[in-house]
Amino acid sequence: MILFLAFVYILSAFIYFYTNKAGYSFLKYIWKRKNINVYLSTEIFYLILTSLIVFSSNPFNWVISILMLLHLFGIAWLVASPNSFYQMAEESISLDKEMVENMVVVMFLIYAGMALFSRILI
């Protein structure tokens, strides 16, 4: 299951990278207000996947639980304060779109690395 999670993170990083280089930004697409369901669906998918790993693994996998809490925080922030979330998204993309796109790709690769090496760090 951890390998599947890492694969999904790497696939997500590839999608963000490829769409950015192809001239279409998937990040800008999911960060639009009208596409709130797309963003929430992806976050909920990651939350469910990480929760399955955390609650079914023995011993307790604290690295995956950190990833689970990060996804939970993303969902809670968007649901509790959507104006704040979208203001941050618009400001970050308007400042330096290329840097934000690259940071999201690197973030997903770091998440994949954390998932892969979580068994070692337990």
C-alpha atoms as a PDB file:
ATOM      1  CA  MET A   1       0.000   0.000   0.000  1.00  0.00           C
ATOM      2  CA  ILE A   2       2.899   2.362   0.748  1.00  0.00           C
ATOM      3  CA  LEU A   3       4.334   1.690  -2.704  1.00  0.00           C
ATOM      4  CA  PHE A   4       0.979   2.547  -4.247  1.00  0.00           C
ATOM      5  CA  LEU A   5       0.867   5.812  -2.290  1.00  0.00           C
ATOM      6  CA  ALA A   6       4.377   6.709  -3.449  1.00  0.00           C
ATOM      7  CA  PHE A   7       3.427   5.850  -7.033  1.00  0.00           C
ATOM      8  CA  VAL A   8       0.355   8.100  -6.837  1.00  0.00           C
ATOM      9  CA  TYR A   9       2.484  10.963  -5.501  1.00  0.00           C
ATOM     10  CA  ILE A  10       5.019  10.479  -8.321  1.00  0.00           C
ATOM     11  CA  LEU A  11       2.223  10.289 -10.891  1.00  0.00           C
ATOM     12  CA  SER A  12       0.751  13.514  -9.515  1.00  0.00           C
ATOM     13  CA  ALA A  13       4.144  15.221  -9.726  1.00  0.00           C
ATOM     14  CA  PHE A  14       4.460  14.067 -13.333  1.00  0.00           C
ATOM     15  CA  ILE A  15       0.982  15.381 -14.196  1.00  0.00           C
ATOM     16  CA  TYR A  16       1.713  18.790 -12.689  1.00  0.00           C
ATOM     17  CA  PHE A  17       5.132  18.949 -14.391  1.00  0.00           C
ATOM     18  CA  TYR A  18       3.918  17.779 -17.794  1.00  0.00           C
ATOM     19  CA  THR A  19       0.874  20.049 -17.912  1.00  0.00           C
ATOM     20  CA  ASN A  20       3.017  23.021 -16.924  1.00  0.00           C
ATOM     21  CA  LYS A  21       5.574  22.313 -19.650  1.00  0.00           C
ATOM     22  CA  ALA A  22       2.819  21.671 -22.206  1.00  0.00           C
ATOM     23  CA  GLY A  23       1.399  25.148 -21.612  1.00  0.00           C
ATOM     24  CA  TYR A  24      -1.639  24.032 -19.653  1.00  0.00           C
ATOM     25  CA  SER A  25      -1.441  24.362 -15.898  1.00  0.00           C
ATOM     26  CA  PHE A  26      -3.299  21.675 -13.976  1.00  0.00           C
ATOM     27  CA  LEU A  27      -2.425  23.573 -10.805  1.00  0.00           C
ATOM     28  CA  LYS A  28      -4.193  26.706 -12.030  1.00  0.00           C
ATOM     29  CA  TYR A  29      -7.136  24.545 -13.069  1.00  0.00           C
ATOM     30  CA  ILE A  30      -7.694  22.955  -9.670  1.00  0.00           C
ATOM     31  CA  TRP A  31      -7.007  26.212  -7.806  1.00  0.00           C
ATOM     32  CA  LYS A  32      -9.921  27.988  -9.502  1.00  0.00           C
ATOM     33  CA  ARG A  33     -12.966  28.576  -7.327  1.00  0.00           C
ATOM     34  CA  LYS A  34     -15.297  26.811  -9.740  1.00  0.00           C
ATOM     35  CA  ASN A  35     -13.153  23.649  -9.519  1.00  0.00           C
ATOM     36  CA  ILE A  36     -13.335  23.329  -5.748  1.00  0.00           C
ATOM     37  CA  ASN A  37     -14.746  19.806  -6.080  1.00  0.00           C
ATOM     38  CA  VAL A  38     -11.737  18.652  -8.106  1.00  0.00           C
ATOM     39  CA  TYR A  39      -9.307  19.934  -5.491  1.00  0.00           C
ATOM     40  CA  LEU A  40     -11.328  18.506  -2.604  1.00  0.00           C
ATOM     41  CA  SER A  41     -11.645  15.158  -4.389  1.00  0.00           C
ATOM     42  CA  THR A  42      -7.877  14.847  -4.805  1.00  0.00           C
ATOM     43  CA  GLU A  43      -7.225  15.840  -1.198  1.00  0.00           C
ATOM     44  CA  ILE A  44      -9.877  13.426   0.081  1.00  0.00           C
ATOM     45  CA  PHE A  45      -8.383  10.641  -2.062  1.00  0.00           C
ATOM     46  CA  TYR A  46      -4.955  11.252  -0.510  1.00  0.00           C
ATOM     47  CA  LEU A  47      -6.516  11.479   2.961  1.00  0.00           C
ATOM     48  CA  ILE A  48      -8.302   8.146   2.546  1.00  0.00           C
ATOM     49  CA  LEU A  49      -5.209   6.441   1.151  1.00  0.00           C
ATOM     50  CA  THR A  50      -2.927   7.702   3.924  1.00  0.00           C
ATOM     51  CA  SER A  51      -5.570   6.896   6.560  1.00  0.00           C
ATOM     52  CA  LEU A  52      -5.786   3.313   5.342  1.00  0.00           C
ATOM     53  CA  ILE A  53      -2.038   2.968   5.722  1.00  0.00           C
ATOM     54  CA  VAL A  54      -1.888   4.634   9.137  1.00  0.00           C
ATOM     55  CA  PHE A  55      -4.773   2.724  10.674  1.00  0.00           C
ATOM     56  CA  SER A  56      -3.861  -0.663   9.224  1.00  0.00           C
ATOM     57  CA  SER A  57      -0.098  -0.672   9.723  1.00  0.00           C
ATOM     58  CA  ASN A  58       1.686  -2.113  12.677  1.00  0.00           C
ATOM     59  CA  PRO A  59       3.887  -0.581  14.106  1.00  0.00           C
ATOM     60  CA  PHE A  60       2.485   2.938  13.913  1.00  0.00           C
ATOM     61  CA  ASN A  61       3.771   4.718  10.800  1.00  0.00           C
ATOM     62  CA  TRP A  62       4.294   8.280  12.014  1.00  0.00           C
ATOM     63  CA  VAL A  63       5.678   9.509   8.666  1.00  0.00           C
ATOM     64  CA  ILE A  64       2.513   8.581   6.786  1.00  0.00           C
ATOM     65  CA  SER A  65       0.461  10.051   9.634  1.00  0.00           C
ATOM     66  CA  ILE A  66       2.226  13.390   9.062  1.00  0.00           C
ATOM     67  CA  LEU A  67       1.240  13.207   5.389  1.00  0.00           C
ATOM     68  CA  MET A  68      -2.315  12.347   6.449  1.00  0.00           C
ATOM     69  CA  LEU A  69      -2.440  15.385   8.731  1.00  0.00           C
ATOM     70  CA  LEU A  70      -1.121  17.639   5.939  1.00  0.00           C
ATOM     71  CA  HIS A  71      -3.932  16.504   3.649  1.00  0.00           C
ATOM     72  CA  LEU A  72      -6.445  16.900   6.463  1.00  0.00           C
ATOM     73  CA  PHE A  73      -5.168  20.435   7.049  1.00  0.00           C
ATOM     74  CA  GLY A  74      -5.589  21.238   3.341  1.00  0.00           C
ATOM     75  CA  ILE A  75      -9.191  20.046   3.400  1.00  0.00           C
ATOM     76  CA  ALA A  76      -9.985  21.847   6.651  1.00  0.00           C
ATOM     77  CA  TRP A  77      -8.462  25.105   5.410  1.00  0.00           C
ATOM     78  CA  LEU A  78     -10.437  25.016   2.176  1.00  0.00           C
ATOM     79  CA  VAL A  79     -13.721  24.117   3.873  1.00  0.00           C
ATOM     80  CA  ALA A  80     -13.342  26.481   6.846  1.00  0.00           C
ATOM     81  CA  SER A  81     -11.927  29.490   5.031  1.00  0.00           C
ATOM     82  CA  PRO A  82     -12.213  29.251   1.247  1.00  0.00           C
ATOM     83  CA  ASN A  83     -11.628  32.981   0.748  1.00  0.00           C
ATOM     84  CA  SER A  84      -8.288  32.787   2.546  1.00  0.00           C
ATOM     85  CA  PHE A  85      -7.288  29.698   0.557  1.00  0.00           C
ATOM     86  CA  TYR A  86      -8.134  31.194  -2.815  1.00  0.00           C
ATOM     87  CA  GLN A  87      -6.521  34.518  -1.939  1.00  0.00           C
ATOM     88  CA  MET A  88      -3.277  32.671  -1.136  1.00  0.00           C
ATOM     89  CA  ALA A  89      -3.552  30.645  -4.338  1.00  0.00           C
ATOM     90  CA  GLU A  90      -4.129  33.710  -6.523  1.00  0.00           C
ATOM     91  CA  GLU A  91      -1.311  35.675  -4.893  1.00  0.00           C
ATOM     92  CA  SER A  92       1.201  32.851  -5.190  1.00  0.00           C
ATOM     93  CA  ILE A  93       0.409  32.171  -8.838  1.00  0.00           C
ATOM     94  CA  SER A  94       0.434  35.852  -9.734  1.00  0.00           C
ATOM     95  CA  LEU A  95       3.856  36.379  -8.132  1.00  0.00           C
ATOM     96  CA  ASP A  96       5.824  33.641  -9.851  1.00  0.00           C
ATOM     97  CA  LYS A  97       3.770  30.975 -11.620  1.00  0.00           C
ATOM     98  CA  GLU A  98       6.776  28.916 -12.705  1.00  0.00           C
ATOM     99  CA  MET A  99       8.228  28.763  -9.201  1.00  0.00           C
ATOM    100  CA  VAL A 100       4.901  27.690  -7.663  1.00  0.00           C
ATOM    101  CA  GLU A 101       4.452  24.975 -10.297  1.00  0.00           C
ATOM    102  CA  ASN A 102       7.958  23.658  -9.635  1.00  0.00           C
ATOM    103  CA  MET A 103       7.435  23.794  -5.869  1.00  0.00           C
ATOM    104  CA  VAL A 104       4.294  21.659  -6.166  1.00  0.00           C
ATOM    105  CA  VAL A 105       6.184  19.075  -8.247  1.00  0.00           C
ATOM    106  CA  VAL A 106       9.042  18.994  -5.735  1.00  0.00           C
ATOM    107  CA  MET A 107       6.564  18.777  -2.851  1.00  0.00           C
ATOM    108  CA  PHE A 108       4.891  15.704  -4.367  1.00  0.00           C
ATOM    109  CA  LEU A 109       8.291  14.100  -4.976  1.00  0.00           C
ATOM    110  CA  ILE A 110       9.236  14.768  -1.352  1.00  0.00           C
ATOM    111  CA  TYR A 111       5.932  13.215  -0.265  1.00  0.00           C
ATOM    112  CA  ALA A 112       6.744  10.158  -2.398  1.00  0.00           C
ATOM    113  CA  GLY A 113      10.197   9.933  -0.841  1.00  0.00           C
ATOM    114  CA  MET A 114       8.732  10.233   2.641  1.00  0.00           C
ATOM    115  CA  ALA A 115       6.282   7.449   1.863  1.00  0.00           C
ATOM    116  CA  LEU A 116       8.971   5.175   0.423  1.00  0.00           C
ATOM    117  CA  PHE A 117      11.373   5.677   3.298  1.00  0.00           C
ATOM    118  CA  SER A 118       8.711   5.622   6.008  1.00  0.00           C
ATOM    119  CA  ARG A 119       9.322   1.940   6.644  1.00  0.00           C
ATOM    120  CA  ILE A 120      12.976   2.674   7.391  1.00  0.00           C
ATOM    121  CA  LEU A 121      12.165   5.573   9.724  1.00  0.00           C
ATOM    122  CA  ILE A 122       9.709   3.674  11.939  1.00  0.00           C
END
